[in-house]
Amino acid sequence: MKKCMNCGFEGQDGNFCPGCGGNLVEAEQIQQFQEAPQPEVSYQPPQMEPQPTPYQPPVQEYVPVANEEVSVGNWIVSILLCAIPCVNLIMLFVWAFGGGAPKSKSNWAKAQLIFLAISVVLSLLVSIVMAIAGVSLMSGTYY
């Protein structure tokens, strides 16, 4: 007697099941197949140690610098403000290091501060040399 392995239909003739179209196999072969020990296949992935993640510095957000043009009127006001004593120092420091001024004005203010520092140092040196020369000329005269 033949039996279908798919649906269990039992019949005598033919090689195919009339119900599902599967192969008809002798009953003895089915019993042998069911009784045969099936190898157990189990896949176990290899155990891996967790790898330390490399240091990644924090990402800084890119902020584009506005490269604005400075108008002629703005330059005139800037130069007039630099002509006022004490205000000029304050404004040069604000423009140079404040961060709100356009790049060209910031660079100009830094150059002005450097030029001012050089002028002060040279003025002090010249004053000291003149004072020493005056004292040396006066030391030779008697009243």
N, C-alpha and C. Protein backbone atom coordinates (compact mmCIF):
# COMPACT_ATOMS: atom_id res chain seq x y z
N MET A 1 0.84 -1.16 0.00
CA MET A 1 0.00 0.00 0.00
C MET A 1 0.90 1.24 0.00
N LYS A 2 0.48 2.25 -0.78
CA LYS A 2 1.25 3.49 -0.90
C LYS A 2 0.54 4.59 -0.11
N LYS A 3 1.37 5.51 0.41
CA LYS A 3 0.82 6.59 1.23
C LYS A 3 1.47 7.90 0.80
N CYS A 4 0.66 8.97 0.80
CA CYS A 4 1.17 10.32 0.46
C CYS A 4 1.81 10.92 1.70
N MET A 5 3.00 11.45 1.52
CA MET A 5 3.70 12.05 2.67
C MET A 5 3.17 13.44 3.00
N ASN A 6 2.50 14.10 2.04
CA ASN A 6 1.98 15.45 2.28
C ASN A 6 0.65 15.45 3.03
N CYS A 7 -0.33 14.72 2.47
CA CYS A 7 -1.68 14.79 3.04
C CYS A 7 -2.12 13.51 3.75
N GLY A 8 -1.36 12.40 3.59
CA GLY A 8 -1.71 11.14 4.27
C GLY A 8 -2.66 10.25 3.49
N PHE A 9 -2.97 10.56 2.24
CA PHE A 9 -3.86 9.75 1.40
C PHE A 9 -3.23 8.38 1.18
N GLU A 10 -4.07 7.34 1.28
CA GLU A 10 -3.59 5.97 1.04
C GLU A 10 -4.25 5.43 -0.22
N GLY A 11 -3.42 4.86 -1.09
CA GLY A 11 -3.95 4.30 -2.32
C GLY A 11 -3.04 3.20 -2.83
N GLN A 12 -3.55 2.42 -3.78
CA GLN A 12 -2.81 1.27 -4.30
C GLN A 12 -2.03 1.61 -5.57
N ASP A 13 -2.65 2.35 -6.45
CA ASP A 13 -2.06 2.53 -7.76
C ASP A 13 -1.56 3.97 -7.95
N GLY A 14 -0.59 4.11 -8.88
CA GLY A 14 -0.07 5.42 -9.24
C GLY A 14 1.13 5.83 -8.39
N ASN A 15 1.80 6.80 -8.90
CA ASN A 15 2.97 7.33 -8.19
C ASN A 15 2.67 8.68 -7.55
N PHE A 16 1.53 9.31 -7.92
CA PHE A 16 1.20 10.63 -7.42
C PHE A 16 -0.14 10.61 -6.70
N CYS A 17 -0.28 11.42 -5.69
CA CYS A 17 -1.51 11.53 -4.90
C CYS A 17 -2.57 12.26 -5.70
N PRO A 18 -3.79 11.72 -5.81
CA PRO A 18 -4.83 12.43 -6.54
C PRO A 18 -5.34 13.64 -5.76
N GLY A 19 -5.12 13.70 -4.46
CA GLY A 19 -5.61 14.82 -3.65
C GLY A 19 -4.73 16.06 -3.73
N CYS A 20 -3.40 15.88 -3.53
CA CYS A 20 -2.52 17.05 -3.48
C CYS A 20 -1.46 17.05 -4.56
N GLY A 21 -1.26 15.91 -5.25
CA GLY A 21 -0.26 15.84 -6.31
C GLY A 21 1.11 15.46 -5.81
N GLY A 22 1.26 15.15 -4.51
CA GLY A 22 2.55 14.75 -3.95
C GLY A 22 2.90 13.32 -4.34
N ASN A 23 4.10 12.89 -4.06
CA ASN A 23 4.55 11.53 -4.37
C ASN A 23 3.93 10.53 -3.42
N LEU A 24 3.50 9.39 -4.00
CA LEU A 24 3.02 8.28 -3.19
C LEU A 24 4.21 7.36 -2.92
N VAL A 25 4.41 7.01 -1.66
CA VAL A 25 5.55 6.20 -1.25
C VAL A 25 5.02 4.98 -0.52
N GLU A 26 5.74 3.84 -0.61
CA GLU A 26 5.37 2.63 0.12
C GLU A 26 5.34 2.94 1.61
N ALA A 27 4.42 2.35 2.31
CA ALA A 27 4.25 2.60 3.74
C ALA A 27 5.49 2.21 4.52
N GLU A 28 6.18 1.14 4.07
CA GLU A 28 7.38 0.70 4.77
C GLU A 28 8.47 1.77 4.71
N GLN A 29 8.57 2.44 3.55
CA GLN A 29 9.58 3.48 3.41
C GLN A 29 9.27 4.67 4.33
N ILE A 30 7.98 4.96 4.50
CA ILE A 30 7.59 6.07 5.38
C ILE A 30 7.99 5.76 6.81
N GLN A 31 7.74 4.51 7.24
CA GLN A 31 8.10 4.14 8.61
C GLN A 31 9.60 4.21 8.81
N GLN A 32 10.37 3.77 7.82
CA GLN A 32 11.82 3.83 7.94
C GLN A 32 12.28 5.29 8.03
N PHE A 33 11.66 6.12 7.22
CA PHE A 33 12.04 7.53 7.22
C PHE A 33 11.72 8.20 8.56
N GLN A 34 10.54 7.86 9.14
CA GLN A 34 10.12 8.47 10.40
C GLN A 34 10.94 7.95 11.58
N GLU A 35 11.37 6.66 11.48
CA GLU A 35 12.11 6.08 12.58
C GLU A 35 13.60 6.44 12.54
N ALA A 36 14.10 6.79 11.39
CA ALA A 36 15.52 7.11 11.27
C ALA A 36 15.85 8.34 12.14
N PRO A 37 16.92 8.25 12.88
CA PRO A 37 17.27 9.40 13.72
C PRO A 37 17.71 10.57 12.85
N GLN A 38 17.13 11.67 13.13
CA GLN A 38 17.46 12.89 12.41
C GLN A 38 18.58 13.62 13.17
N PRO A 39 19.61 14.00 12.46
CA PRO A 39 20.68 14.73 13.17
C PRO A 39 20.16 16.10 13.61
N GLU A 40 20.52 16.46 14.83
CA GLU A 40 20.11 17.77 15.34
C GLU A 40 21.11 18.81 14.85
N VAL A 41 20.60 19.76 14.16
CA VAL A 41 21.44 20.84 13.66
C VAL A 41 21.08 22.10 14.42
N SER A 42 22.05 22.58 15.14
CA SER A 42 21.82 23.84 15.85
C SER A 42 23.04 24.72 15.62
N TYR A 43 22.77 25.88 15.18
CA TYR A 43 23.85 26.82 14.91
C TYR A 43 23.98 27.78 16.07
N GLN A 44 25.17 27.87 16.58
CA GLN A 44 25.45 28.84 17.63
C GLN A 44 26.56 29.76 17.13
N PRO A 45 26.27 31.02 17.04
CA PRO A 45 27.32 31.92 16.56
C PRO A 45 28.47 31.96 17.56
N PRO A 46 29.67 32.17 17.08
CA PRO A 46 30.81 32.22 18.00
C PRO A 46 30.67 33.40 18.95
N GLN A 47 31.10 33.17 20.17
CA GLN A 47 31.03 34.22 21.19
C GLN A 47 32.18 35.19 20.96
N MET A 48 31.83 36.44 20.76
CA MET A 48 32.85 37.46 20.54
C MET A 48 32.84 38.43 21.71
N GLU A 49 34.03 38.84 22.09
CA GLU A 49 34.13 39.82 23.16
C GLU A 49 33.78 41.19 22.59
N PRO A 50 33.09 42.00 23.37
CA PRO A 50 32.75 43.33 22.86
C PRO A 50 34.02 44.16 22.70
N GLN A 51 34.12 44.82 21.56
CA GLN A 51 35.28 45.65 21.27
C GLN A 51 35.05 47.05 21.82
N PRO A 52 36.08 47.64 22.44
CA PRO A 52 35.89 49.01 22.92
C PRO A 52 35.76 49.96 21.74
N THR A 53 34.87 50.90 21.86
CA THR A 53 34.68 51.86 20.78
C THR A 53 35.76 52.92 20.88
N PRO A 54 36.35 53.29 19.75
CA PRO A 54 37.40 54.32 19.79
C PRO A 54 36.80 55.67 20.16
N TYR A 55 37.63 56.53 20.71
CA TYR A 55 37.17 57.86 21.12
C TYR A 55 36.81 58.67 19.89
N GLN A 56 35.66 59.28 19.94
CA GLN A 56 35.24 60.16 18.87
C GLN A 56 34.96 61.53 19.49
N PRO A 57 35.71 62.54 19.06
CA PRO A 57 35.47 63.86 19.64
C PRO A 57 34.08 64.36 19.27
N PRO A 58 33.51 65.20 20.11
CA PRO A 58 32.18 65.72 19.79
C PRO A 58 32.21 66.55 18.51
N VAL A 59 31.14 66.47 17.78
CA VAL A 59 31.05 67.19 16.52
C VAL A 59 30.64 68.63 16.80
N GLN A 60 31.43 69.54 16.27
CA GLN A 60 31.09 70.94 16.43
C GLN A 60 30.31 71.41 15.21
N GLU A 61 29.28 72.13 15.49
CA GLU A 61 28.43 72.59 14.40
C GLU A 61 29.14 73.70 13.64
N TYR A 62 29.14 73.60 12.32
CA TYR A 62 29.79 74.59 11.47
C TYR A 62 28.88 75.81 11.35
N VAL A 63 29.43 76.94 11.71
CA VAL A 63 28.68 78.19 11.58
C VAL A 63 29.42 79.04 10.56
N PRO A 64 28.83 79.26 9.39
CA PRO A 64 29.53 80.05 8.39
C PRO A 64 29.69 81.50 8.83
N VAL A 65 30.86 82.04 8.57
CA VAL A 65 31.14 83.43 8.94
C VAL A 65 30.58 84.33 7.85
N ALA A 66 29.82 85.29 8.28
CA ALA A 66 29.25 86.23 7.31
C ALA A 66 30.36 87.17 6.86
N ASN A 67 30.63 87.19 5.58
CA ASN A 67 31.68 88.04 5.04
C ASN A 67 31.01 89.28 4.45
N GLU A 68 30.51 90.11 5.33
CA GLU A 68 29.76 91.28 4.90
C GLU A 68 30.71 92.38 4.43
N GLU A 69 30.22 93.15 3.50
CA GLU A 69 30.98 94.31 3.08
C GLU A 69 30.63 95.47 4.01
N VAL A 70 31.64 96.27 4.31
CA VAL A 70 31.42 97.44 5.17
C VAL A 70 31.27 98.65 4.25
N SER A 71 30.20 99.38 4.45
CA SER A 71 29.92 100.52 3.57
C SER A 71 30.85 101.68 3.88
N VAL A 72 30.90 102.62 2.96
CA VAL A 72 31.75 103.82 3.13
C VAL A 72 31.27 104.62 4.34
N GLY A 73 29.97 104.75 4.50
CA GLY A 73 29.44 105.50 5.65
C GLY A 73 29.83 104.84 6.97
N ASN A 74 29.81 103.53 7.00
CA ASN A 74 30.20 102.81 8.21
C ASN A 74 31.68 103.04 8.52
N TRP A 75 32.53 103.07 7.48
CA TRP A 75 33.95 103.35 7.70
C TRP A 75 34.15 104.78 8.22
N ILE A 76 33.41 105.72 7.69
CA ILE A 76 33.55 107.12 8.13
C ILE A 76 33.17 107.24 9.61
N VAL A 77 32.07 106.60 10.01
CA VAL A 77 31.66 106.63 11.42
C VAL A 77 32.71 105.95 12.29
N SER A 78 33.28 104.87 11.81
CA SER A 78 34.30 104.15 12.57
C SER A 78 35.54 105.02 12.78
N ILE A 79 35.97 105.70 11.75
CA ILE A 79 37.16 106.55 11.86
C ILE A 79 36.87 107.75 12.76
N LEU A 80 35.66 108.32 12.68
CA LEU A 80 35.31 109.44 13.57
C LEU A 80 35.26 108.99 15.03
N LEU A 81 34.74 107.78 15.28
CA LEU A 81 34.72 107.27 16.66
C LEU A 81 36.14 107.04 17.19
N CYS A 82 37.05 106.68 16.30
CA CYS A 82 38.44 106.47 16.73
C CYS A 82 39.16 107.79 17.00
N ALA A 83 38.57 108.92 16.63
CA ALA A 83 39.18 110.23 16.90
C ALA A 83 38.81 110.73 18.30
N ILE A 84 37.86 110.11 18.96
CA ILE A 84 37.43 110.54 20.30
C ILE A 84 38.26 109.78 21.34
N PRO A 85 38.95 110.51 22.23
CA PRO A 85 39.77 109.84 23.24
C PRO A 85 38.93 108.90 24.13
N CYS A 86 39.50 107.85 24.57
CA CYS A 86 38.91 106.80 25.42
C CYS A 86 37.86 105.99 24.67
N VAL A 87 37.01 106.63 23.90
CA VAL A 87 36.01 105.90 23.12
C VAL A 87 36.72 105.05 22.07
N ASN A 88 37.82 105.61 21.52
CA ASN A 88 38.53 104.88 20.48
C ASN A 88 39.06 103.53 21.00
N LEU A 89 39.63 103.50 22.19
CA LEU A 89 40.14 102.23 22.73
C LEU A 89 39.01 101.23 22.96
N ILE A 90 37.94 101.71 23.54
CA ILE A 90 36.81 100.82 23.82
C ILE A 90 36.25 100.24 22.53
N MET A 91 36.03 101.11 21.53
CA MET A 91 35.44 100.64 20.28
C MET A 91 36.39 99.71 19.50
N LEU A 92 37.70 100.00 19.54
CA LEU A 92 38.65 99.12 18.86
C LEU A 92 38.64 97.72 19.47
N PHE A 93 38.57 97.65 20.81
CA PHE A 93 38.51 96.34 21.46
C PHE A 93 37.19 95.63 21.13
N VAL A 94 36.10 96.38 21.09
CA VAL A 94 34.80 95.77 20.76
C VAL A 94 34.81 95.24 19.33
N TRP A 95 35.30 96.04 18.39
CA TRP A 95 35.33 95.61 17.00
C TRP A 95 36.31 94.45 16.78
N ALA A 96 37.44 94.49 17.48
CA ALA A 96 38.48 93.47 17.27
C ALA A 96 38.09 92.13 17.88
N PHE A 97 37.53 92.14 19.09
CA PHE A 97 37.31 90.89 19.82
C PHE A 97 35.86 90.63 20.19
N GLY A 98 34.94 91.49 19.80
CA GLY A 98 33.55 91.33 20.17
C GLY A 98 32.82 90.24 19.41
N GLY A 99 33.20 90.00 18.17
CA GLY A 99 32.57 88.94 17.40
C GLY A 99 31.40 89.40 16.56
N GLY A 100 30.89 90.59 16.74
CA GLY A 100 29.73 91.04 15.98
C GLY A 100 30.10 91.84 14.75
N ALA A 101 31.35 92.24 14.64
CA ALA A 101 31.78 93.08 13.52
C ALA A 101 32.13 92.20 12.32
N PRO A 102 31.99 92.75 11.12
CA PRO A 102 32.44 92.01 9.94
C PRO A 102 33.95 91.73 10.02
N LYS A 103 34.39 90.72 9.29
CA LYS A 103 35.79 90.27 9.36
C LYS A 103 36.76 91.38 8.97
N SER A 104 36.44 92.17 7.97
CA SER A 104 37.35 93.24 7.53
C SER A 104 37.51 94.30 8.62
N LYS A 105 36.41 94.65 9.30
CA LYS A 105 36.49 95.66 10.35
C LYS A 105 37.22 95.10 11.57
N SER A 106 37.01 93.80 11.86
CA SER A 106 37.70 93.17 12.97
C SER A 106 39.21 93.16 12.74
N ASN A 107 39.63 92.82 11.54
CA ASN A 107 41.06 92.83 11.22
C ASN A 107 41.64 94.24 11.26
N TRP A 108 40.89 95.21 10.77
CA TRP A 108 41.33 96.61 10.82
C TRP A 108 41.51 97.07 12.26
N ALA A 109 40.56 96.71 13.14
CA ALA A 109 40.65 97.12 14.54
C ALA A 109 41.85 96.46 15.22
N LYS A 110 42.13 95.20 14.91
CA LYS A 110 43.31 94.53 15.48
C LYS A 110 44.58 95.22 15.01
N ALA A 111 44.65 95.57 13.72
CA ALA A 111 45.82 96.27 13.20
C ALA A 111 45.99 97.64 13.87
N GLN A 112 44.88 98.34 14.10
CA GLN A 112 44.94 99.64 14.78
C GLN A 112 45.46 99.49 16.21
N LEU A 113 45.02 98.45 16.92
CA LEU A 113 45.49 98.23 18.29
C LEU A 113 46.97 97.89 18.31
N ILE A 114 47.44 97.10 17.36
CA ILE A 114 48.87 96.79 17.28
C ILE A 114 49.67 98.06 16.99
N PHE A 115 49.19 98.86 16.03
CA PHE A 115 49.86 100.12 15.70
C PHE A 115 49.87 101.06 16.91
N LEU A 116 48.79 101.10 17.66
CA LEU A 116 48.71 101.94 18.85
C LEU A 116 49.71 101.48 19.91
N ALA A 117 49.83 100.17 20.12
CA ALA A 117 50.78 99.64 21.11
C ALA A 117 52.21 99.97 20.70
N ILE A 118 52.54 99.82 19.41
CA ILE A 118 53.89 100.16 18.94
C ILE A 118 54.16 101.65 19.12
N SER A 119 53.17 102.49 18.85
CA SER A 119 53.32 103.95 19.00
C SER A 119 53.58 104.32 20.45
N VAL A 120 52.87 103.70 21.37
CA VAL A 120 53.05 104.01 22.80
C VAL A 120 54.45 103.60 23.24
N VAL A 121 54.91 102.43 22.83
CA VAL A 121 56.25 101.97 23.22
C VAL A 121 57.32 102.89 22.64
N LEU A 122 57.20 103.24 21.37
CA LEU A 122 58.18 104.14 20.76
C LEU A 122 58.14 105.53 21.42
N SER A 123 56.97 106.02 21.74
CA SER A 123 56.85 107.33 22.41
C SER A 123 57.54 107.30 23.77
N LEU A 124 57.36 106.22 24.51
CA LEU A 124 58.03 106.10 25.82
C LEU A 124 59.54 106.05 25.66
N LEU A 125 60.03 105.30 24.67
CA LEU A 125 61.47 105.23 24.45
C LEU A 125 62.05 106.58 24.08
N VAL A 126 61.38 107.28 23.17
CA VAL A 126 61.86 108.61 22.77
C VAL A 126 61.81 109.57 23.95
N SER A 127 60.79 109.51 24.77
CA SER A 127 60.69 110.39 25.94
C SER A 127 61.82 110.11 26.93
N ILE A 128 62.13 108.85 27.15
CA ILE A 128 63.21 108.49 28.08
C ILE A 128 64.55 108.97 27.54
N VAL A 129 64.80 108.78 26.24
CA VAL A 129 66.06 109.24 25.63
C VAL A 129 66.16 110.76 25.73
N MET A 130 65.09 111.47 25.47
CA MET A 130 65.10 112.95 25.54
C MET A 130 65.33 113.41 26.99
N ALA A 131 64.72 112.71 27.94
CA ALA A 131 64.92 113.10 29.35
C ALA A 131 66.36 112.88 29.76
N ILE A 132 66.96 111.78 29.34
CA ILE A 132 68.37 111.51 29.69
C ILE A 132 69.27 112.54 29.03
N ALA A 133 68.98 112.88 27.77
CA ALA A 133 69.79 113.91 27.07
C ALA A 133 69.65 115.26 27.75
N GLY A 134 68.46 115.61 28.19
CA GLY A 134 68.25 116.89 28.87
C GLY A 134 68.98 116.95 30.21
N VAL A 135 68.96 115.86 30.94
CA VAL A 135 69.64 115.82 32.23
C VAL A 135 71.14 115.91 32.03
N SER A 136 71.65 115.22 31.01
CA SER A 136 73.10 115.26 30.79
C SER A 136 73.56 116.64 30.32
N LEU A 137 72.73 117.38 29.59
CA LEU A 137 73.10 118.74 29.18
C LEU A 137 73.03 119.70 30.36
N MET A 138 72.10 119.47 31.24
CA MET A 138 71.95 120.37 32.40
C MET A 138 73.03 120.13 33.45
N SER A 139 73.57 118.94 33.49
CA SER A 139 74.54 118.65 34.55
C SER A 139 75.84 119.42 34.37
N GLY A 140 76.15 119.89 33.17
CA GLY A 140 77.39 120.61 32.92
C GLY A 140 77.27 122.11 33.17
N THR A 141 76.14 122.65 33.37
CA THR A 141 75.95 124.09 33.55
C THR A 141 75.84 124.44 35.03
N TYR A 142 76.47 125.53 35.37
CA TYR A 142 76.40 126.02 36.75
C TYR A 142 75.75 127.40 36.77
N TYR A 143 74.96 127.65 37.74
CA TYR A 143 74.32 128.97 37.84
C TYR A 143 74.97 129.78 38.90
